PDB file of all heavy atoms in Angstrom:
ATOM      1  N   PHE A   1      -7.481   3.687  27.527  1.00  0.00           N
ATOM      2  CA  PHE A   1      -8.292   3.533  26.276  1.00  0.00           C
ATOM      3  C   PHE A   1      -7.828   4.421  25.188  1.00  0.00           C
ATOM      4  O   PHE A   1      -7.805   4.017  24.015  1.00  0.00           O
ATOM      5  CB  PHE A   1      -9.781   3.671  26.615  1.00  0.00           C
ATOM      6  CG  PHE A   1     -10.739   3.214  25.607  1.00  0.00           C
ATOM      7  CD1 PHE A   1     -11.047   1.945  25.483  1.00  0.00           C
ATOM      8  CD2 PHE A   1     -11.235   4.187  24.653  1.00  0.00           C
ATOM      9  CE1 PHE A   1     -11.853   1.508  24.454  1.00  0.00           C
ATOM     10  CE2 PHE A   1     -12.117   3.679  23.667  1.00  0.00           C
ATOM     11  CZ  PHE A   1     -12.400   2.415  23.548  1.00  0.00           C
ATOM     12  N   MET A   2      -7.456   5.555  25.586  1.00  0.00           N
ATOM     13  CA  MET A   2      -6.891   6.565  24.565  1.00  0.00           C
ATOM     14  C   MET A   2      -5.693   6.035  23.981  1.00  0.00           C
ATOM     15  O   MET A   2      -5.428   6.079  22.772  1.00  0.00           O
ATOM     16  CB  MET A   2      -6.789   7.905  25.181  1.00  0.00           C
ATOM     17  CG  MET A   2      -6.539   9.079  24.191  1.00  0.00           C
ATOM     18  SD  MET A   2      -6.173  10.574  25.070  1.00  0.00           S
ATOM     19  CE  MET A   2      -7.783  10.781  25.894  1.00  0.00           C
ATOM     20  N   CYS A   3      -4.678   5.521  24.835  1.00  0.00           N
ATOM     21  CA  CYS A   3      -3.466   5.058  24.308  1.00  0.00           C
ATOM     22  C   CYS A   3      -3.691   3.710  23.543  1.00  0.00           C
ATOM     23  O   CYS A   3      -3.000   3.454  22.514  1.00  0.00           O
ATOM     24  CB  CYS A   3      -2.549   4.669  25.488  1.00  0.00           C
ATOM     25  SG  CYS A   3      -2.092   6.156  26.406  1.00  0.00           S
ATOM     26  N   HIS A   4      -4.609   2.927  23.906  1.00  0.00           N
ATOM     27  CA  HIS A   4      -5.054   1.677  23.141  1.00  0.00           C
ATOM     28  C   HIS A   4      -5.524   2.118  21.764  1.00  0.00           C
ATOM     29  O   HIS A   4      -5.253   1.432  20.766  1.00  0.00           O
ATOM     30  CB  HIS A   4      -6.052   0.908  23.849  1.00  0.00           C
ATOM     31  CG  HIS A   4      -6.458  -0.313  23.147  1.00  0.00           C
ATOM     32  ND1 HIS A   4      -5.550  -1.430  22.966  1.00  0.00           N
ATOM     33  CD2 HIS A   4      -7.584  -0.789  22.599  1.00  0.00           C
ATOM     34  CE1 HIS A   4      -6.130  -2.392  22.389  1.00  0.00           C
ATOM     35  NE2 HIS A   4      -7.357  -2.028  22.140  1.00  0.00           N
ATOM     36  N   THR A   5      -6.273   3.219  21.684  1.00  0.00           N
ATOM     37  CA  THR A   5      -6.762   3.691  20.449  1.00  0.00           C
ATOM     38  C   THR A   5      -5.531   4.192  19.572  1.00  0.00           C
ATOM     39  O   THR A   5      -5.559   3.977  18.316  1.00  0.00           O
ATOM     40  CB  THR A   5      -7.630   4.900  20.652  1.00  0.00           C
ATOM     41  OG1 THR A   5      -8.802   4.487  21.421  1.00  0.00           O
ATOM     42  CG2 THR A   5      -8.246   5.549  19.308  1.00  0.00           C
ATOM     43  N   VAL A   6      -4.539   4.800  20.104  1.00  0.00           N
ATOM     44  CA  VAL A   6      -3.397   5.224  19.390  1.00  0.00           C
ATOM     45  C   VAL A   6      -2.657   4.005  18.788  1.00  0.00           C
ATOM     46  O   VAL A   6      -2.215   4.026  17.646  1.00  0.00           O
ATOM     47  CB  VAL A   6      -2.359   6.055  20.292  1.00  0.00           C
ATOM     48  CG1 VAL A   6      -1.036   6.205  19.668  1.00  0.00           C
ATOM     49  CG2 VAL A   6      -3.001   7.329  20.795  1.00  0.00           C
ATOM     50  N   MET A   7      -2.586   2.943  19.516  1.00  0.00           N
ATOM     51  CA  MET A   7      -1.994   1.634  18.942  1.00  0.00           C
ATOM     52  C   MET A   7      -2.723   1.165  17.787  1.00  0.00           C
ATOM     53  O   MET A   7      -2.253   0.757  16.749  1.00  0.00           O
ATOM     54  CB  MET A   7      -1.877   0.641  20.056  1.00  0.00           C
ATOM     55  CG  MET A   7      -1.044   0.920  21.254  1.00  0.00           C
ATOM     56  SD  MET A   7      -1.097  -0.415  22.461  1.00  0.00           S
ATOM     57  CE  MET A   7      -0.290   0.475  23.832  1.00  0.00           C
ATOM     58  N   HIS A   8      -4.122   1.273  17.878  1.00  0.00           N
ATOM     59  CA  HIS A   8      -4.990   0.825  16.831  1.00  0.00           C
ATOM     60  C   HIS A   8      -4.802   1.731  15.577  1.00  0.00           C
ATOM     61  O   HIS A   8      -4.830   1.282  14.439  1.00  0.00           O
ATOM     62  CB  HIS A   8      -6.475   0.830  17.246  1.00  0.00           C
ATOM     63  CG  HIS A   8      -7.375   0.254  16.273  1.00  0.00           C
ATOM     64  ND1 HIS A   8      -7.736  -1.071  16.302  1.00  0.00           N
ATOM     65  CD2 HIS A   8      -8.087   0.900  15.301  1.00  0.00           C
ATOM     66  CE1 HIS A   8      -8.667  -1.229  15.281  1.00  0.00           C
ATOM     67  NE2 HIS A   8      -8.879  -0.114  14.700  1.00  0.00           N
ATOM     68  N   VAL A   9      -4.751   3.029  15.864  1.00  0.00           N
ATOM     69  CA  VAL A   9      -4.495   3.984  14.754  1.00  0.00           C
ATOM     70  C   VAL A   9      -3.312   3.738  13.940  1.00  0.00           C
ATOM     71  O   VAL A   9      -3.241   4.087  12.740  1.00  0.00           O
ATOM     72  CB  VAL A   9      -4.590   5.421  15.353  1.00  0.00           C
ATOM     73  CG1 VAL A   9      -4.107   6.408  14.264  1.00  0.00           C
ATOM     74  CG2 VAL A   9      -6.003   5.791  15.814  1.00  0.00           C
ATOM     75  N   MET A  10      -2.211   3.196  14.558  1.00  0.00           N
ATOM     76  CA  MET A  10      -0.923   2.986  13.877  1.00  0.00           C
ATOM     77  C   MET A  10      -1.123   2.039  12.714  1.00  0.00           C
ATOM     78  O   MET A  10      -0.576   2.212  11.683  1.00  0.00           O
ATOM     79  CB  MET A  10       0.056   2.384  14.868  1.00  0.00           C
ATOM     80  CG  MET A  10       0.497   3.441  15.872  1.00  0.00           C
ATOM     81  SD  MET A  10       1.340   4.932  15.207  1.00  0.00           S
ATOM     82  CE  MET A  10       0.025   6.039  15.314  1.00  0.00           C
ATOM     83  N   PHE A  11      -2.047   1.086  12.861  1.00  0.00           N
ATOM     84  CA  PHE A  11      -2.306   0.147  11.753  1.00  0.00           C
ATOM     85  C   PHE A  11      -3.115   0.843  10.718  1.00  0.00           C
ATOM     86  O   PHE A  11      -2.916   0.633   9.510  1.00  0.00           O
ATOM     87  CB  PHE A  11      -3.021  -1.123  12.205  1.00  0.00           C
ATOM     88  CG  PHE A  11      -3.325  -2.041  11.072  1.00  0.00           C
ATOM     89  CD1 PHE A  11      -2.358  -2.928  10.556  1.00  0.00           C
ATOM     90  CD2 PHE A  11      -4.580  -2.177  10.542  1.00  0.00           C
ATOM     91  CE1 PHE A  11      -2.592  -3.752   9.448  1.00  0.00           C
ATOM     92  CE2 PHE A  11      -4.872  -3.025   9.569  1.00  0.00           C
ATOM     93  CZ  PHE A  11      -3.849  -3.905   8.994  1.00  0.00           C
ATOM     94  N   MET A  12      -4.050   1.643  11.144  1.00  0.00           N
ATOM     95  CA  MET A  12      -5.028   2.341  10.170  1.00  0.00           C
ATOM     96  C   MET A  12      -4.107   3.310   9.286  1.00  0.00           C
ATOM     97  O   MET A  12      -4.425   3.440   8.163  1.00  0.00           O
ATOM     98  CB  MET A  12      -6.038   3.090  10.922  1.00  0.00           C
ATOM     99  CG  MET A  12      -6.927   2.256  11.725  1.00  0.00           C
ATOM    100  SD  MET A  12      -8.361   3.106  12.555  1.00  0.00           S
ATOM    101  CE  MET A  12      -7.556   4.623  12.929  1.00  0.00           C
ATOM    102  N   VAL A  13      -3.272   3.968   9.943  1.00  0.00           N
ATOM    103  CA  VAL A  13      -2.346   4.914   9.188  1.00  0.00           C
ATOM    104  C   VAL A  13      -1.269   4.138   8.365  1.00  0.00           C
ATOM    105  O   VAL A  13      -0.944   4.489   7.182  1.00  0.00           O
ATOM    106  CB  VAL A  13      -1.617   5.851  10.174  1.00  0.00           C
ATOM    107  CG1 VAL A  13      -0.674   6.782   9.463  1.00  0.00           C
ATOM    108  CG2 VAL A  13      -2.734   6.735  10.855  1.00  0.00           C
ATOM    109  N   GLY A  14      -0.690   3.051   9.012  1.00  0.00           N
ATOM    110  CA  GLY A  14       0.297   2.241   8.316  1.00  0.00           C
ATOM    111  C   GLY A  14      -0.137   1.610   7.053  1.00  0.00           C
ATOM    112  O   GLY A  14       0.665   1.459   6.202  1.00  0.00           O
ATOM    113  N   GLY A  15      -1.374   1.254   6.936  1.00  0.00           N
ATOM    114  CA  GLY A  15      -1.806   0.560   5.734  1.00  0.00           C
ATOM    115  C   GLY A  15      -1.800   1.454   4.534  1.00  0.00           C
ATOM    116  O   GLY A  15      -1.162   1.103   3.550  1.00  0.00           O
ATOM    117  N   PRO A  16      -2.330   2.545   4.503  1.00  0.00           N
ATOM    118  CA  PRO A  16      -2.257   3.474   3.332  1.00  0.00           C
ATOM    119  C   PRO A  16      -0.855   3.947   3.048  1.00  0.00           C
ATOM    120  O   PRO A  16      -0.477   4.016   1.872  1.00  0.00           O
ATOM    121  CB  PRO A  16      -3.038   4.748   3.621  1.00  0.00           C
ATOM    122  CG  PRO A  16      -4.060   4.184   4.693  1.00  0.00           C
ATOM    123  CD  PRO A  16      -3.411   3.181   5.373  1.00  0.00           C
ATOM    124  N   VAL A  17      -0.002   4.177   4.042  1.00  0.00           N
ATOM    125  CA  VAL A  17       1.404   4.580   3.891  1.00  0.00           C
ATOM    126  C   VAL A  17       2.126   3.433   3.140  1.00  0.00           C
ATOM    127  O   VAL A  17       2.936   3.633   2.313  1.00  0.00           O
ATOM    128  CB  VAL A  17       2.058   4.918   5.260  1.00  0.00           C
ATOM    129  CG1 VAL A  17       3.561   5.268   5.039  1.00  0.00           C
ATOM    130  CG2 VAL A  17       1.285   6.304   5.725  1.00  0.00           C
ATOM    131  N   PHE A  18       1.906   2.138   3.682  1.00  0.00           N
ATOM    132  CA  PHE A  18       2.586   1.064   3.173  1.00  0.00           C
ATOM    133  C   PHE A  18       2.218   0.762   1.657  1.00  0.00           C
ATOM    134  O   PHE A  18       3.061   0.472   0.862  1.00  0.00           O
ATOM    135  CB  PHE A  18       2.346  -0.198   4.011  1.00  0.00           C
ATOM    136  CG  PHE A  18       3.122  -1.373   3.563  1.00  0.00           C
ATOM    137  CD1 PHE A  18       4.438  -1.400   3.532  1.00  0.00           C
ATOM    138  CD2 PHE A  18       2.459  -2.664   3.251  1.00  0.00           C
ATOM    139  CE1 PHE A  18       5.227  -2.519   3.158  1.00  0.00           C
ATOM    140  CE2 PHE A  18       3.158  -3.706   2.791  1.00  0.00           C
ATOM    141  CZ  PHE A  18       4.555  -3.662   2.802  1.00  0.00           C
ATOM    142  N   ARG A  19       0.984   1.017   1.348  1.00  0.00           N
ATOM    143  CA  ARG A  19       0.533   0.833  -0.077  1.00  0.00           C
ATOM    144  C   ARG A  19       1.183   1.879  -0.948  1.00  0.00           C
ATOM    145  O   ARG A  19       1.627   1.569  -2.108  1.00  0.00           O
ATOM    146  CB  ARG A  19      -1.051   0.916  -0.121  1.00  0.00           C
ATOM    147  CG  ARG A  19      -1.521   0.531  -1.560  1.00  0.00           C
ATOM    148  CD  ARG A  19      -3.008   0.768  -1.703  1.00  0.00           C
ATOM    149  NE  ARG A  19      -3.486   0.389  -2.962  1.00  0.00           N
ATOM    150  CZ  ARG A  19      -3.354   1.075  -4.005  1.00  0.00           C
ATOM    151  NH1 ARG A  19      -2.714   2.261  -3.973  1.00  0.00           N
ATOM    152  NH2 ARG A  19      -3.743   0.554  -5.189  1.00  0.00           N
ATOM    153  N   THR A  20       1.314   3.131  -0.429  1.00  0.00           N
ATOM    154  CA  THR A  20       1.958   4.115  -1.211  1.00  0.00           C
ATOM    155  C   THR A  20       3.461   3.784  -1.379  1.00  0.00           C
ATOM    156  O   THR A  20       3.973   3.929  -2.514  1.00  0.00           O
ATOM    157  CB  THR A  20       1.808   5.510  -0.415  1.00  0.00           C
ATOM    158  OG1 THR A  20       0.557   5.869  -0.252  1.00  0.00           O
ATOM    159  CG2 THR A  20       2.568   6.587  -1.200  1.00  0.00           C
ATOM    160  N   LEU A  21       4.011   3.205  -0.393  1.00  0.00           N
ATOM    161  CA  LEU A  21       5.483   2.880  -0.503  1.00  0.00           C
ATOM    162  C   LEU A  21       5.705   1.732  -1.496  1.00  0.00           C
ATOM    163  O   LEU A  21       6.638   1.701  -2.328  1.00  0.00           O
ATOM    164  CB  LEU A  21       5.977   2.479   0.855  1.00  0.00           C
ATOM    165  CG  LEU A  21       7.500   1.966   0.908  1.00  0.00           C
ATOM    166  CD1 LEU A  21       8.479   3.034   0.544  1.00  0.00           C
ATOM    167  CD2 LEU A  21       7.829   1.424   2.282  1.00  0.00           C
ATOM    168  N   LEU A  22       4.780   0.816  -1.535  1.00  0.00           N
ATOM    169  CA  LEU A  22       4.825  -0.419  -2.466  1.00  0.00           C
ATOM    170  C   LEU A  22       4.796   0.063  -3.932  1.00  0.00           C
ATOM    171  O   LEU A  22       5.658  -0.387  -4.703  1.00  0.00           O
ATOM    172  CB  LEU A  22       3.667  -1.315  -2.151  1.00  0.00           C
ATOM    173  CG  LEU A  22       3.715  -2.183  -0.924  1.00  0.00           C
ATOM    174  CD1 LEU A  22       2.410  -2.836  -0.778  1.00  0.00           C
ATOM    175  CD2 LEU A  22       4.823  -3.066  -0.859  1.00  0.00           C
ATOM    176  N   PHE A  23       3.984   1.049  -4.200  1.00  0.00           N
ATOM    177  CA  PHE A  23       3.840   1.437  -5.604  1.00  0.00           C
ATOM    178  C   PHE A  23       5.003   2.439  -5.917  1.00  0.00           C
ATOM    179  O   PHE A  23       5.326   2.661  -7.048  1.00  0.00           O
ATOM    180  CB  PHE A  23       2.516   2.105  -5.878  1.00  0.00           C
ATOM    181  CG  PHE A  23       1.461   1.036  -6.200  1.00  0.00           C
ATOM    182  CD1 PHE A  23       0.549   0.656  -5.319  1.00  0.00           C
ATOM    183  CD2 PHE A  23       1.450   0.346  -7.476  1.00  0.00           C
ATOM    184  CE1 PHE A  23      -0.407  -0.305  -5.533  1.00  0.00           C
ATOM    185  CE2 PHE A  23       0.590  -0.648  -7.636  1.00  0.00           C
ATOM    186  CZ  PHE A  23      -0.392  -0.955  -6.749  1.00  0.00           C
ATOM    187  N   ARG A  24       5.571   3.108  -4.970  1.00  0.00           N
ATOM    188  CA  ARG A  24       6.788   3.951  -5.207  1.00  0.00           C
ATOM    189  C   ARG A  24       8.038   3.077  -5.479  1.00  0.00           C
ATOM    190  O   ARG A  24       8.887   3.618  -6.139  1.00  0.00           O
ATOM    191  CB  ARG A  24       7.021   4.896  -3.985  1.00  0.00           C
ATOM    192  CG  ARG A  24       6.068   5.969  -3.946  1.00  0.00           C
ATOM    193  CD  ARG A  24       6.342   7.038  -3.049  1.00  0.00           C
ATOM    194  NE  ARG A  24       5.317   8.111  -3.021  1.00  0.00           N
ATOM    195  CZ  ARG A  24       5.399   9.190  -2.204  1.00  0.00           C
ATOM    196  NH1 ARG A  24       6.459   9.407  -1.442  1.00  0.00           N
ATOM    197  NH2 ARG A  24       4.398  10.118  -2.244  1.00  0.00           N
ATOM    198  N   TYR A  25       8.050   1.839  -5.081  1.00  0.00           N
ATOM    199  CA  TYR A  25       9.071   0.936  -5.480  1.00  0.00           C
ATOM    200  C   TYR A  25       9.107   0.633  -6.905  1.00  0.00           C
ATOM    201  O   TYR A  25      10.125   0.412  -7.524  1.00  0.00           O
ATOM    202  CB  TYR A  25       8.995  -0.396  -4.717  1.00  0.00           C
ATOM    203  CG  TYR A  25       9.411  -0.379  -3.236  1.00  0.00           C
ATOM    204  CD1 TYR A  25       8.787  -1.095  -2.270  1.00  0.00           C
ATOM    205  CD2 TYR A  25      10.460   0.438  -2.831  1.00  0.00           C
ATOM    206  CE1 TYR A  25       9.057  -1.089  -0.867  1.00  0.00           C
ATOM    207  CE2 TYR A  25      10.831   0.468  -1.363  1.00  0.00           C
ATOM    208  CZ  TYR A  25      10.086  -0.390  -0.489  1.00  0.00           C
ATOM    209  OH  TYR A  25      10.536  -0.302   0.794  1.00  0.00           O
ATOM    210  N   VAL A  26       7.970   0.761  -7.502  1.00  0.00           N
ATOM    211  CA  VAL A  26       7.816   0.620  -9.051  1.00  0.00           C
ATOM    212  C   VAL A  26       7.484   1.907  -9.708  1.00  0.00           C
ATOM    213  O   VAL A  26       6.849   1.915 -10.717  1.00  0.00           O
ATOM    214  CB  VAL A  26       6.782  -0.461  -9.373  1.00  0.00           C
ATOM    215  CG1 VAL A  26       7.246  -1.856  -8.944  1.00  0.00           C
ATOM    216  CG2 VAL A  26       5.449  -0.166  -8.676  1.00  0.00           C
ATOM    217  N   ILE A  27       7.744   3.063  -9.002  1.00  0.00           N
ATOM    218  CA  ILE A  27       7.586   4.418  -9.448  1.00  0.00           C
ATOM    219  C   ILE A  27       6.164   4.850  -9.275  1.00  0.00           C
ATOM    220  O   ILE A  27       5.827   5.888  -8.741  1.00  0.00           O
ATOM    221  CB  ILE A  27       8.019   4.645 -10.943  1.00  0.00           C
ATOM    222  CG1 ILE A  27       9.571   4.177 -11.000  1.00  0.00           C
ATOM    223  CG2 ILE A  27       7.844   6.021 -11.403  1.00  0.00           C
ATOM    224  CD1 ILE A  27      10.079   4.293 -12.424  1.00  0.00           C
ATOM    225  N   SER A  28       5.149   4.104  -9.892  1.00  0.00           N
ATOM    226  CA  SER A  28       3.724   4.481  -9.807  1.00  0.00           C
ATOM    227  C   SER A  28       2.831   3.431 -10.202  1.00  0.00           C
ATOM    228  O   SER A  28       3.383   2.325 -10.677  1.00  0.00           O
ATOM    229  CB  SER A  28       3.492   5.748 -10.712  1.00  0.00           C
ATOM    230  OG  SER A  28       3.625   5.359 -12.131  1.00  0.00           O
ATOM    231  N   GLU A  29       1.517   3.534 -10.042  1.00  0.00           N
ATOM    232  CA  GLU A  29       0.637   2.483 -10.408  1.00  0.00           C
ATOM    233  C   GLU A  29       0.596   2.320 -11.936  1.00  0.00           C
ATOM    234  O   GLU A  29       0.511   1.201 -12.435  1.00  0.00           O
ATOM    235  CB  GLU A  29      -0.832   2.816  -9.975  1.00  0.00           C
ATOM    236  CG  GLU A  29      -0.954   2.827  -8.499  1.00  0.00           C
ATOM    237  CD  GLU A  29      -2.420   3.190  -7.963  1.00  0.00           C
ATOM    238  OE1 GLU A  29      -3.238   3.360  -8.846  1.00  0.00           O
ATOM    239  OE2 GLU A  29      -2.600   3.252  -6.758  1.00  0.00           O
ATOM    240  N   GLN A  30       0.675   3.428 -12.681  1.00  0.00           N
ATOM    241  CA  GLN A  30       0.639   3.429 -14.095  1.00  0.00           C
ATOM    242  C   GLN A  30       1.886   2.633 -14.699  1.00  0.00           C
ATOM    243  O   GLN A  30       1.746   1.902 -15.601  1.00  0.00           O
ATOM    244  CB  GLN A  30       0.605   4.828 -14.770  1.00  0.00           C
ATOM    245  CG  GLN A  30      -0.726   5.529 -14.547  1.00  0.00           C
ATOM    246  CD  GLN A  30      -0.836   6.072 -13.077  1.00  0.00           C
ATOM    247  OE1 GLN A  30       0.137   6.100 -12.370  1.00  0.00           O
ATOM    248  NE2 GLN A  30      -2.062   6.600 -12.691  1.00  0.00           N
ATOM    249  N   ASN A  31       3.084   2.940 -14.090  1.00  0.00           N
ATOM    250  CA  ASN A  31       4.247   2.272 -14.518  1.00  0.00           C
ATOM    251  C   ASN A  31       4.114   0.763 -14.198  1.00  0.00           C
ATOM    252  O   ASN A  31       4.691  -0.068 -15.046  1.00  0.00           O
ATOM    253  CB  ASN A  31       5.419   2.952 -13.691  1.00  0.00           C
ATOM    254  CG  ASN A  31       6.733   2.310 -14.303  1.00  0.00           C
ATOM    255  OD1 ASN A  31       7.166   2.674 -15.406  1.00  0.00           O
ATOM    256  ND2 ASN A  31       7.529   1.584 -13.555  1.00  0.00           N
ATOM    257  N   TYR A  32       3.526   0.396 -13.077  1.00  0.00           N
ATOM    258  CA  TYR A  32       3.317  -1.065 -12.796  1.00  0.00           C
ATOM    259  C   TYR A  32       2.538  -1.718 -13.854  1.00  0.00           C
ATOM    260  O   TYR A  32       2.923  -2.768 -14.304  1.00  0.00           O
ATOM    261  CB  TYR A  32       2.632  -1.174 -11.450  1.00  0.00           C
ATOM    262  CG  TYR A  32       2.197  -2.680 -11.201  1.00  0.00           C
ATOM    263  CD1 TYR A  32       3.108  -3.589 -10.784  1.00  0.00           C
ATOM    264  CD2 TYR A  32       0.911  -3.048 -11.427  1.00  0.00           C
ATOM    265  CE1 TYR A  32       2.796  -4.902 -10.595  1.00  0.00           C
ATOM    266  CE2 TYR A  32       0.515  -4.341 -11.148  1.00  0.00           C
ATOM    267  CZ  TYR A  32       1.456  -5.333 -10.763  1.00  0.00           C
ATOM    268  OH  TYR A  32       0.938  -6.636 -10.662  1.00  0.00           O
ATOM    269  N   VAL A  33       1.441  -1.075 -14.287  1.00  0.00           N
ATOM    270  CA  VAL A  33       0.696  -1.678 -15.321  1.00  0.00           C
ATOM    271  C   VAL A  33       1.463  -1.831 -16.667  1.00  0.00           C
ATOM    272  O   VAL A  33       1.309  -2.900 -17.358  1.00  0.00           O
ATOM    273  CB  VAL A  33      -0.632  -0.858 -15.528  1.00  0.00           C
ATOM    274  CG1 VAL A  33      -1.503  -1.398 -16.802  1.00  0.00           C
ATOM    275  CG2 VAL A  33      -1.490  -0.752 -14.258  1.00  0.00           C
ATOM    276  N   LYS A  34       2.332  -0.846 -16.912  1.00  0.00           N
ATOM    277  CA  LYS A  34       3.061  -0.911 -18.142  1.00  0.00           C
ATOM    278  C   LYS A  34       4.155  -2.108 -18.098  1.00  0.00           C
ATOM    279  O   LYS A  34       4.330  -2.808 -18.998  1.00  0.00           O
ATOM    280  CB  LYS A  34       3.776   0.301 -18.462  1.00  0.00           C
ATOM    281  CG  LYS A  34       2.881   1.503 -18.751  1.00  0.00           C
ATOM    282  CD  LYS A  34       3.657   2.746 -18.993  1.00  0.00           C
ATOM    283  CE  LYS A  34       2.692   3.991 -19.325  1.00  0.00           C
ATOM    284  NZ  LYS A  34       3.536   5.208 -19.476  1.00  0.00           N
ATOM    285  N   GLU A  35       4.810  -2.230 -16.869  1.00  0.00           N
ATOM    286  CA  GLU A  35       5.799  -3.194 -16.699  1.00  0.00           C
ATOM    287  C   GLU A  35       5.340  -4.593 -16.760  1.00  0.00           C
ATOM    288  O   GLU A  35       5.880  -5.513 -17.296  1.00  0.00           O
ATOM    289  CB  GLU A  35       6.594  -2.905 -15.425  1.00  0.00           C
ATOM    290  CG  GLU A  35       7.505  -1.710 -15.468  1.00  0.00           C
ATOM    291  CD  GLU A  35       8.405  -1.669 -14.225  1.00  0.00           C
ATOM    292  OE1 GLU A  35       8.717  -2.718 -13.719  1.00  0.00           O
ATOM    293  OE2 GLU A  35       8.828  -0.568 -13.843  1.00  0.00           O
ATOM    294  N   THR A  36       4.117  -4.868 -16.102  1.00  0.00           N
ATOM    295  CA  THR A  36       3.636  -6.146 -16.068  1.00  0.00           C
ATOM    296  C   THR A  36       2.958  -6.641 -17.397  1.00  0.00           C
ATOM    297  O   THR A  36       2.789  -7.774 -17.649  1.00  0.00           O
ATOM    298  CB  THR A  36       2.647  -6.325 -14.959  1.00  0.00           C
ATOM    299  OG1 THR A  36       1.521  -5.206 -15.094  1.00  0.00           O
ATOM    300  CG2 THR A  36       3.245  -6.111 -13.505  1.00  0.00           C
ATOM    301  N   GLY A  37       2.503  -5.615 -18.155  1.00  0.00           N
ATOM    302  CA  GLY A  37       1.854  -5.972 -19.406  1.00  0.00           C
ATOM    303  C   GLY A  37       0.591  -6.808 -19.307  1.00  0.00           C
ATOM    304  O   GLY A  37       0.395  -7.683 -20.111  1.00  0.00           O
ATOM    305  N   GLY A  38      -0.294  -6.457 -18.315  1.00  0.00           N
ATOM    306  CA  GLY A  38      -1.505  -7.089 -18.201  1.00  0.00           C
ATOM    307  C   GLY A  38      -1.433  -8.466 -17.691  1.00  0.00           C
ATOM    308  O   GLY A  38      -2.337  -9.343 -17.925  1.00  0.00           O
ATOM    309  N   GLU A  39      -0.395  -8.753 -16.775  1.00  0.00           N
ATOM    310  CA  GLU A  39      -0.266 -10.157 -16.198  1.00  0.00           C
ATOM    311  C   GLU A  39      -1.340 -10.218 -15.024  1.00  0.00           C
ATOM    312  O   GLU A  39      -1.491  -9.370 -14.201  1.00  0.00           O
ATOM    313  CB  GLU A  39       1.023 -10.298 -15.636  1.00  0.00           C
ATOM    314  CG  GLU A  39       1.325 -11.651 -14.941  1.00  0.00           C
ATOM    315  CD  GLU A  39       2.740 -11.754 -14.443  1.00  0.00           C
ATOM    316  OE1 GLU A  39       3.506 -10.895 -14.662  1.00  0.00           O
ATOM    317  OE2 GLU A  39       3.022 -12.824 -13.776  1.00  0.00           O
ATOM    318  N   PRO A  40      -2.187 -11.297 -15.154  1.00  0.00           N
ATOM    319  CA  PRO A  40      -3.225 -11.506 -14.090  1.00  0.00           C
ATOM    320  C   PRO A  40      -2.637 -11.755 -12.660  1.00  0.00           C
ATOM    321  O   PRO A  40      -1.579 -12.249 -12.504  1.00  0.00           O
ATOM    322  CB  PRO A  40      -4.050 -12.663 -14.619  1.00  0.00           C
ATOM    323  CG  PRO A  40      -3.015 -13.419 -15.451  1.00  0.00           C
ATOM    324  CD  PRO A  40      -2.056 -12.387 -16.044  1.00  0.00           C
ATOM    325  N   VAL A  41      -3.474 -11.368 -11.674  1.00  0.00           N
ATOM    326  CA  VAL A  41      -3.119 -11.403 -10.205  1.00  0.00           C
ATOM    327  C   VAL A  41      -4.135 -12.358  -9.582  1.00  0.00           C
ATOM    328  O   VAL A  41      -5.245 -12.181  -9.834  1.00  0.00           O
ATOM    329  CB  VAL A  41      -2.985 -10.095  -9.614  1.00  0.00           C
ATOM    330  CG1 VAL A  41      -2.685 -10.144  -8.150  1.00  0.00           C
ATOM    331  CG2 VAL A  41      -2.021  -9.208 -10.258  1.00  0.00           C
ATOM    332  N   GLN A  42      -3.581 -13.192  -8.727  1.00  0.00           N
ATOM    333  CA  GLN A  42      -4.542 -14.006  -7.809  1.00  0.00           C
ATOM    334  C   GLN A  42      -5.102 -13.168  -6.772  1.00  0.00           C
ATOM    335  O   GLN A  42      -4.399 -12.367  -6.129  1.00  0.00           O
ATOM    336  CB  GLN A  42      -3.846 -15.222  -7.282  1.00  0.00           C
ATOM    337  CG  GLN A  42      -3.418 -16.266  -8.356  1.00  0.00           C
ATOM    338  CD  GLN A  42      -2.731 -17.450  -7.763  1.00  0.00           C
ATOM    339  OE1 GLN A  42      -2.400 -17.455  -6.510  1.00  0.00           O
ATOM    340  NE2 GLN A  42      -2.635 -18.567  -8.563  1.00  0.00           N
ATOM    341  N   LEU A  43      -6.414 -13.443  -6.340  1.00  0.00           N
ATOM    342  CA  LEU A  43      -7.133 -12.808  -5.280  1.00  0.00           C
ATOM    343  C   LEU A  43      -7.207 -13.643  -3.993  1.00  0.00           C
ATOM    344  O   LEU A  43      -7.659 -13.111  -2.937  1.00  0.00           O
ATOM    345  CB  LEU A  43      -8.513 -12.321  -5.710  1.00  0.00           C
ATOM    346  CG  LEU A  43      -8.603 -11.418  -6.924  1.00  0.00           C
ATOM    347  CD1 LEU A  43     -10.056 -11.092  -7.200  1.00  0.00           C
ATOM    348  CD2 LEU A  43      -7.794 -10.114  -6.679  1.00  0.00           C
TER     349      LEU A  43
END
């Protein structure tokens, strides 16, 4: 059960890290807003 929790934690940790990596591909969140120029996004 402890090891199964470690497997579960990998997604919990991977989510925030992956989001950080995504915005570092475009330098930062502020830079993304500047580059897109207010282009709408689908939800």
